[in-house]
PDB file of N, CA and C in Angstrom:
ATOM      1  N   MET A   1     -23.205 -98.193   8.576  1.00  0.00           N
ATOM      2  CA  MET A   1     -24.195 -99.167   8.966  1.00  0.00           C
ATOM      3  C   MET A   1     -25.401 -98.442   9.548  1.00  0.00           C
ATOM      4  N   GLN A   2     -26.536 -99.065   9.415  1.00  0.00           N
ATOM      5  CA  GLN A   2     -27.742 -98.508  10.019  1.00  0.00           C
ATOM      6  C   GLN A   2     -28.594 -99.639  10.567  1.00  0.00           C
ATOM      7  N   PHE A   3     -29.384 -99.299  11.552  1.00  0.00           N
ATOM      8  CA  PHE A   3     -30.275-100.270  12.166  1.00  0.00           C
ATOM      9  C   PHE A   3     -31.623-100.258  11.455  1.00  0.00           C
ATOM     10  N   THR A   4     -32.224-101.425  11.337  1.00  0.00           N
ATOM     11  CA  THR A   4     -33.514-101.547  10.643  1.00  0.00           C
ATOM     12  C   THR A   4     -34.634-101.963  11.599  1.00  0.00           C
ATOM     13  N   LEU A   5     -34.453-101.667  12.868  1.00  0.00           N
ATOM     14  CA  LEU A   5     -35.459-102.036  13.868  1.00  0.00           C
ATOM     15  C   LEU A   5     -36.818-101.431  13.531  1.00  0.00           C
ATOM     16  N   LYS A   6     -36.830-100.213  13.040  1.00  0.00           N
ATOM     17  CA  LYS A   6     -38.082 -99.534  12.709  1.00  0.00           C
ATOM     18  C   LYS A   6     -38.885-100.353  11.691  1.00  0.00           C
ATOM     19  N   GLN A   7     -38.228-100.842  10.658  1.00  0.00           N
ATOM     20  CA  GLN A   7     -38.895-101.622   9.624  1.00  0.00           C
ATOM     21  C   GLN A   7     -39.361-102.980  10.153  1.00  0.00           C
ATOM     22  N   VAL A   8     -38.527-103.612  10.968  1.00  0.00           N
ATOM     23  CA  VAL A   8     -38.874-104.931  11.526  1.00  0.00           C
ATOM     24  C   VAL A   8     -40.105-104.816  12.418  1.00  0.00           C
ATOM     25  N   LEU A   9     -40.155-103.787  13.251  1.00  0.00           N
ATOM     26  CA  LEU A   9     -41.309-103.606  14.135  1.00  0.00           C
ATOM     27  C   LEU A   9     -42.554-103.237  13.333  1.00  0.00           C
ATOM     28  N   ALA A  10     -42.396-102.433  12.300  1.00  0.00           N
ATOM     29  CA  ALA A  10     -43.543-102.043  11.469  1.00  0.00           C
ATOM     30  C   ALA A  10     -44.172-103.273  10.802  1.00  0.00           C
ATOM     31  N   GLU A  11     -43.354-104.195  10.343  1.00  0.00           N
ATOM     32  CA  GLU A  11     -43.858-105.421   9.711  1.00  0.00           C
ATOM     33  C   GLU A  11     -44.715-106.237  10.677  1.00  0.00           C
ATOM     34  N   ARG A  12     -44.370-106.166  11.947  1.00  0.00           N
ATOM     35  CA  ARG A  12     -45.072-106.957  12.962  1.00  0.00           C
ATOM     36  C   ARG A  12     -46.170-106.163  13.676  1.00  0.00           C
ATOM     37  N   HIS A  13     -46.245-104.877  13.395  1.00  0.00           N
ATOM     38  CA  HIS A  13     -47.196-103.974  14.059  1.00  0.00           C
ATOM     39  C   HIS A  13     -46.951-103.950  15.568  1.00  0.00           C
ATOM     40  N   TRP A  14     -45.667-103.941  15.944  1.00  0.00           N
ATOM     41  CA  TRP A  14     -45.276-103.888  17.346  1.00  0.00           C
ATOM     42  C   TRP A  14     -44.727-102.509  17.674  1.00  0.00           C
ATOM     43  N   THR A  15     -44.757-102.181  18.962  1.00  0.00           N
ATOM     44  CA  THR A  15     -44.234-100.906  19.435  1.00  0.00           C
ATOM     45  C   THR A  15     -42.927-101.114  20.193  1.00  0.00           C
ATOM     46  N   ILE A  16     -42.242-100.022  20.421  1.00  0.00           N
ATOM     47  CA  ILE A  16     -41.023-100.069  21.227  1.00  0.00           C
ATOM     48  C   ILE A  16     -41.364-100.585  22.619  1.00  0.00           C
ATOM     49  N   GLY A  17     -42.503-100.183  23.147  1.00  0.00           N
ATOM     50  CA  GLY A  17     -42.923-100.628  24.474  1.00  0.00           C
ATOM     51  C   GLY A  17     -43.085-102.133  24.552  1.00  0.00           C
ATOM     52  N   THR A  18     -43.637-102.726  23.526  1.00  0.00           N
ATOM     53  CA  THR A  18     -43.802-104.182  23.490  1.00  0.00           C
ATOM     54  C   THR A  18     -42.452-104.870  23.552  1.00  0.00           C
ATOM     55  N   VAL A  19     -41.511-104.367  22.772  1.00  0.00           N
ATOM     56  CA  VAL A  19     -40.171-104.968  22.740  1.00  0.00           C
ATOM     57  C   VAL A  19     -39.465-104.766  24.076  1.00  0.00           C
ATOM     58  N   ALA A  20     -39.560-103.568  24.634  1.00  0.00           N
ATOM     59  CA  ALA A  20     -38.919-103.285  25.924  1.00  0.00           C
ATOM     60  C   ALA A  20     -39.454-104.211  27.009  1.00  0.00           C
ATOM     61  N   LYS A  21     -40.757-104.367  27.047  1.00  0.00           N
ATOM     62  CA  LYS A  21     -41.393-105.200  28.068  1.00  0.00           C
ATOM     63  C   LYS A  21     -40.953-106.659  27.965  1.00  0.00           C
ATOM     64  N   ASN A  22     -40.789-107.151  26.749  1.00  0.00           N
ATOM     65  CA  ASN A  22     -40.482-108.564  26.545  1.00  0.00           C
ATOM     66  C   ASN A  22     -38.998-108.906  26.492  1.00  0.00           C
ATOM     67  N   THR A  23     -38.145-107.898  26.354  1.00  0.00           N
ATOM     68  CA  THR A  23     -36.706-108.172  26.255  1.00  0.00           C
ATOM     69  C   THR A  23     -35.911-107.674  27.453  1.00  0.00           C
ATOM     70  N   GLY A  24     -36.469-106.712  28.182  1.00  0.00           N
ATOM     71  CA  GLY A  24     -35.710-106.115  29.276  1.00  0.00           C
ATOM     72  C   GLY A  24     -34.754-105.029  28.802  1.00  0.00           C
ATOM     73  N   VAL A  25     -34.750-104.743  27.500  1.00  0.00           N
ATOM     74  CA  VAL A  25     -33.932-103.659  26.957  1.00  0.00           C
ATOM     75  C   VAL A  25     -34.689-102.356  27.219  1.00  0.00           C
ATOM     76  N   SER A  26     -33.982-101.347  27.683  1.00  0.00           N
ATOM     77  CA  SER A  26     -34.658-100.100  28.058  1.00  0.00           C
ATOM     78  C   SER A  26     -35.293 -99.412  26.854  1.00  0.00           C
ATOM     79  N   ARG A  27     -36.369 -98.680  27.148  1.00  0.00           N
ATOM     80  CA  ARG A  27     -37.052 -97.911  26.097  1.00  0.00           C
ATOM     81  C   ARG A  27     -36.105 -96.886  25.481  1.00  0.00           C
ATOM     82  N   ALA A  28     -35.254 -96.291  26.305  1.00  0.00           N
ATOM     83  CA  ALA A  28     -34.312 -95.282  25.807  1.00  0.00           C
ATOM     84  C   ALA A  28     -33.359 -95.885  24.774  1.00  0.00           C
ATOM     85  N   THR A  29     -32.834 -97.060  25.085  1.00  0.00           N
ATOM     86  CA  THR A  29     -31.933 -97.746  24.157  1.00  0.00           C
ATOM     87  C   THR A  29     -32.663 -98.098  22.869  1.00  0.00           C
ATOM     88  N   LEU A  30     -33.852 -98.663  23.008  1.00  0.00           N
ATOM     89  CA  LEU A  30     -34.626 -99.048  21.826  1.00  0.00           C
ATOM     90  C   LEU A  30     -35.012 -97.837  20.986  1.00  0.00           C
ATOM     91  N   THR A  31     -35.360 -96.739  21.635  1.00  0.00           N
ATOM     92  CA  THR A  31     -35.716 -95.524  20.912  1.00  0.00           C
ATOM     93  C   THR A  31     -34.527 -95.002  20.108  1.00  0.00           C
ATOM     94  N   ASN A  32     -33.353 -95.027  20.707  1.00  0.00           N
ATOM     95  CA  ASN A  32     -32.151 -94.573  19.992  1.00  0.00           C
ATOM     96  C   ASN A  32     -31.852 -95.459  18.785  1.00  0.00           C
ATOM     97  N   ILE A  33     -32.017 -96.761  18.936  1.00  0.00           N
ATOM     98  CA  ILE A  33     -31.800 -97.678  17.819  1.00  0.00           C
ATOM     99  C   ILE A  33     -32.878 -97.453  16.756  1.00  0.00           C
ATOM    100  N   TYR A  34     -34.114 -97.358  17.186  1.00  0.00           N
ATOM    101  CA  TYR A  34     -35.274 -97.206  16.300  1.00  0.00           C
ATOM    102  C   TYR A  34     -35.147 -95.977  15.397  1.00  0.00           C
ATOM    103  N   TYR A  35     -34.733 -94.851  15.979  1.00  0.00           N
ATOM    104  CA  TYR A  35     -34.635 -93.604  15.232  1.00  0.00           C
ATOM    105  C   TYR A  35     -33.258 -93.356  14.613  1.00  0.00           C
ATOM    106  N   GLY A  36     -32.359 -94.310  14.754  1.00  0.00           N
ATOM    107  CA  GLY A  36     -31.046 -94.183  14.125  1.00  0.00           C
ATOM    108  C   GLY A  36     -30.090 -93.249  14.833  1.00  0.00           C
ATOM    109  N   HIS A  37     -30.318 -93.003  16.121  1.00  0.00           N
ATOM    110  CA  HIS A  37     -29.446 -92.124  16.891  1.00  0.00           C
ATOM    111  C   HIS A  37     -28.315 -92.885  17.575  1.00  0.00           C
ATOM    112  N   SER A  38     -28.397 -94.192  17.580  1.00  0.00           N
ATOM    113  CA  SER A  38     -27.400 -95.019  18.252  1.00  0.00           C
ATOM    114  C   SER A  38     -26.190 -95.206  17.346  1.00  0.00           C
ATOM    115  N   LYS A  39     -25.009 -95.081  17.922  1.00  0.00           N
ATOM    116  CA  LYS A  39     -23.782 -95.270  17.153  1.00  0.00           C
ATOM    117  C   LYS A  39     -23.244 -96.683  17.293  1.00  0.00           C
ATOM    118  N   GLY A  40     -23.866 -97.473  18.133  1.00  0.00           N
ATOM    119  CA  GLY A  40     -23.429 -98.843  18.349  1.00  0.00           C
ATOM    120  C   GLY A  40     -24.474 -99.595  19.142  1.00  0.00           C
ATOM    121  N   ILE A  41     -24.216-100.860  19.348  1.00  0.00           N
ATOM    122  CA  ILE A  41     -25.149-101.687  20.109  1.00  0.00           C
ATOM    123  C   ILE A  41     -24.353-102.741  20.867  1.00  0.00           C
ATOM    124  N   GLN A  42     -24.743-102.970  22.097  1.00  0.00           N
ATOM    125  CA  GLN A  42     -24.114-104.014  22.896  1.00  0.00           C
ATOM    126  C   GLN A  42     -24.504-105.375  22.339  1.00  0.00           C
ATOM    127  N   LEU A  43     -23.587-106.309  22.344  1.00  0.00           N
ATOM    128  CA  LEU A  43     -23.890-107.649  21.834  1.00  0.00           C
ATOM    129  C   LEU A  43     -25.032-108.303  22.606  1.00  0.00           C
ATOM    130  N   LYS A  44     -25.092-108.055  23.899  1.00  0.00           N
ATOM    131  CA  LYS A  44     -26.171-108.607  24.715  1.00  0.00           C
ATOM    132  C   LYS A  44     -27.521-108.057  24.253  1.00  0.00           C
ATOM    133  N   THR A  45     -27.573-106.773  23.943  1.00  0.00           N
ATOM    134  CA  THR A  45     -28.798-106.146  23.455  1.00  0.00           C
ATOM    135  C   THR A  45     -29.182-106.716  22.101  1.00  0.00           C
ATOM    136  N   LEU A  46     -28.220-106.834  21.210  1.00  0.00           N
ATOM    137  CA  LEU A  46     -28.472-107.396  19.883  1.00  0.00           C
ATOM    138  C   LEU A  46     -28.986-108.822  19.997  1.00  0.00           C
ATOM    139  N   SER A  47     -28.395-109.592  20.879  1.00  0.00           N
ATOM    140  CA  SER A  47     -28.817-110.977  21.082  1.00  0.00           C
ATOM    141  C   SER A  47     -30.256-111.055  21.586  1.00  0.00           C
ATOM    142  N   ARG A  48     -30.590-110.224  22.561  1.00  0.00           N
ATOM    143  CA  ARG A  48     -31.966-110.214  23.099  1.00  0.00           C
ATOM    144  C   ARG A  48     -32.979-109.844  22.020  1.00  0.00           C
ATOM    145  N   LEU A  49     -32.643-108.837  21.224  1.00  0.00           N
ATOM    146  CA  LEU A  49     -33.554-108.414  20.160  1.00  0.00           C
ATOM    147  C   LEU A  49     -33.733-109.517  19.116  1.00  0.00           C
ATOM    148  N   CYS A  50     -32.638-110.111  18.705  1.00  0.00           N
ATOM    149  CA  CYS A  50     -32.715-111.186  17.707  1.00  0.00           C
ATOM    150  C   CYS A  50     -33.541-112.356  18.215  1.00  0.00           C
ATOM    151  N   GLU A  51     -33.321-112.738  19.454  1.00  0.00           N
ATOM    152  CA  GLU A  51     -34.063-113.858  20.034  1.00  0.00           C
ATOM    153  C   GLU A  51     -35.558-113.556  20.107  1.00  0.00           C
ATOM    154  N   PHE A  52     -35.911-112.381  20.605  1.00  0.00           N
ATOM    155  CA  PHE A  52     -37.323-112.027  20.742  1.00  0.00           C
ATOM    156  C   PHE A  52     -38.008-111.871  19.388  1.00  0.00           C
ATOM    157  N   LEU A  53     -37.331-111.230  18.440  1.00  0.00           N
ATOM    158  CA  LEU A  53     -37.929-110.957  17.141  1.00  0.00           C
ATOM    159  C   LEU A  53     -37.835-112.144  16.178  1.00  0.00           C
ATOM    160  N   GLY A  54     -37.014-113.126  16.532  1.00  0.00           N
ATOM    161  CA  GLY A  54     -36.846-114.290  15.664  1.00  0.00           C
ATOM    162  C   GLY A  54     -36.116-113.945  14.375  1.00  0.00           C
ATOM    163  N   VAL A  55     -35.100-113.086  14.507  1.00  0.00           N
ATOM    164  CA  VAL A  55     -34.327-112.660  13.345  1.00  0.00           C
ATOM    165  C   VAL A  55     -32.836-112.860  13.619  1.00  0.00           C
ATOM    166  N   THR A  56     -32.024-112.606  12.602  1.00  0.00           N
ATOM    167  CA  THR A  56     -30.573-112.645  12.759  1.00  0.00           C
ATOM    168  C   THR A  56     -30.051-111.213  12.807  1.00  0.00           C
ATOM    169  N   PRO A  57     -28.808-111.008  13.224  1.00  0.00           N
ATOM    170  CA  PRO A  57     -28.240-109.658  13.203  1.00  0.00           C
ATOM    171  C   PRO A  57     -28.318-109.007  11.813  1.00  0.00           C
ATOM    172  N   ASN A  58     -28.219-109.807  10.770  1.00  0.00           N
ATOM    173  CA  ASN A  58     -28.322-109.270   9.404  1.00  0.00           C
ATOM    174  C   ASN A  58     -29.681-108.639   9.140  1.00  0.00           C
ATOM    175  N   ASP A  59     -30.696-109.083   9.854  1.00  0.00           N
ATOM    176  CA  ASP A  59     -32.032-108.515   9.676  1.00  0.00           C
ATOM    177  C   ASP A  59     -32.198-107.183  10.415  1.00  0.00           C
ATOM    178  N   LEU A  60     -31.309-106.906  11.363  1.00  0.00           N
ATOM    179  CA  LEU A  60     -31.419-105.683  12.160  1.00  0.00           C
ATOM    180  C   LEU A  60     -30.389-104.627  11.806  1.00  0.00           C
ATOM    181  N   ILE A  61     -29.356-105.029  11.063  1.00  0.00           N
ATOM    182  CA  ILE A  61     -28.291-104.104  10.709  1.00  0.00           C
ATOM    183  C   ILE A  61     -28.053-104.202   9.200  1.00  0.00           C
ATOM    184  N   SER A  62     -27.999-103.054   8.549  1.00  0.00           N
ATOM    185  CA  SER A  62     -27.694-103.056   7.116  1.00  0.00           C
ATOM    186  C   SER A  62     -26.608-102.038   6.829  1.00  0.00           C
ATOM    187  N   LEU A  63     -25.960-102.199   5.706  1.00  0.00           N
ATOM    188  CA  LEU A  63     -24.928-101.257   5.291  1.00  0.00           C
ATOM    189  C   LEU A  63     -25.567-100.061   4.616  1.00  0.00           C
ATOM    190  N   LYS A  64     -25.138 -98.864   5.002  1.00  0.00           N
ATOM    191  CA  LYS A  64     -25.613 -97.644   4.325  1.00  0.00           C
ATOM    192  C   LYS A  64     -24.963 -97.584   2.954  1.00  0.00           C
ATOM    193  N   LYS A  65     -25.730 -97.105   2.005  1.00  0.00           N
ATOM    194  CA  LYS A  65     -25.170 -96.969   0.657  1.00  0.00           C
ATOM    195  C   LYS A  65     -25.065 -95.528   0.273  1.00  0.00           C
TER     196      LYS A  65
END
C-alpha cells in the first residue's frame, strides 16, 4: 500500500503546513506520509485528513502494483 497525500495536495495547490494548521496533525507525521516514509497511519489521523480534504480513505491510500 502507498499513500497518495502528495497527489491530493498537489491537485489543490496546498502545502503540508496548510494541512497541519487545519487538522492538528503534526508536520512530522504529514511529511512522513507525504514522502512515503510512513509504514502506517493512525485511524484518528486518517479520519482528520479525510474530513479536512473532503475525501475517503480510498483517495489517500492505494495498492502498490
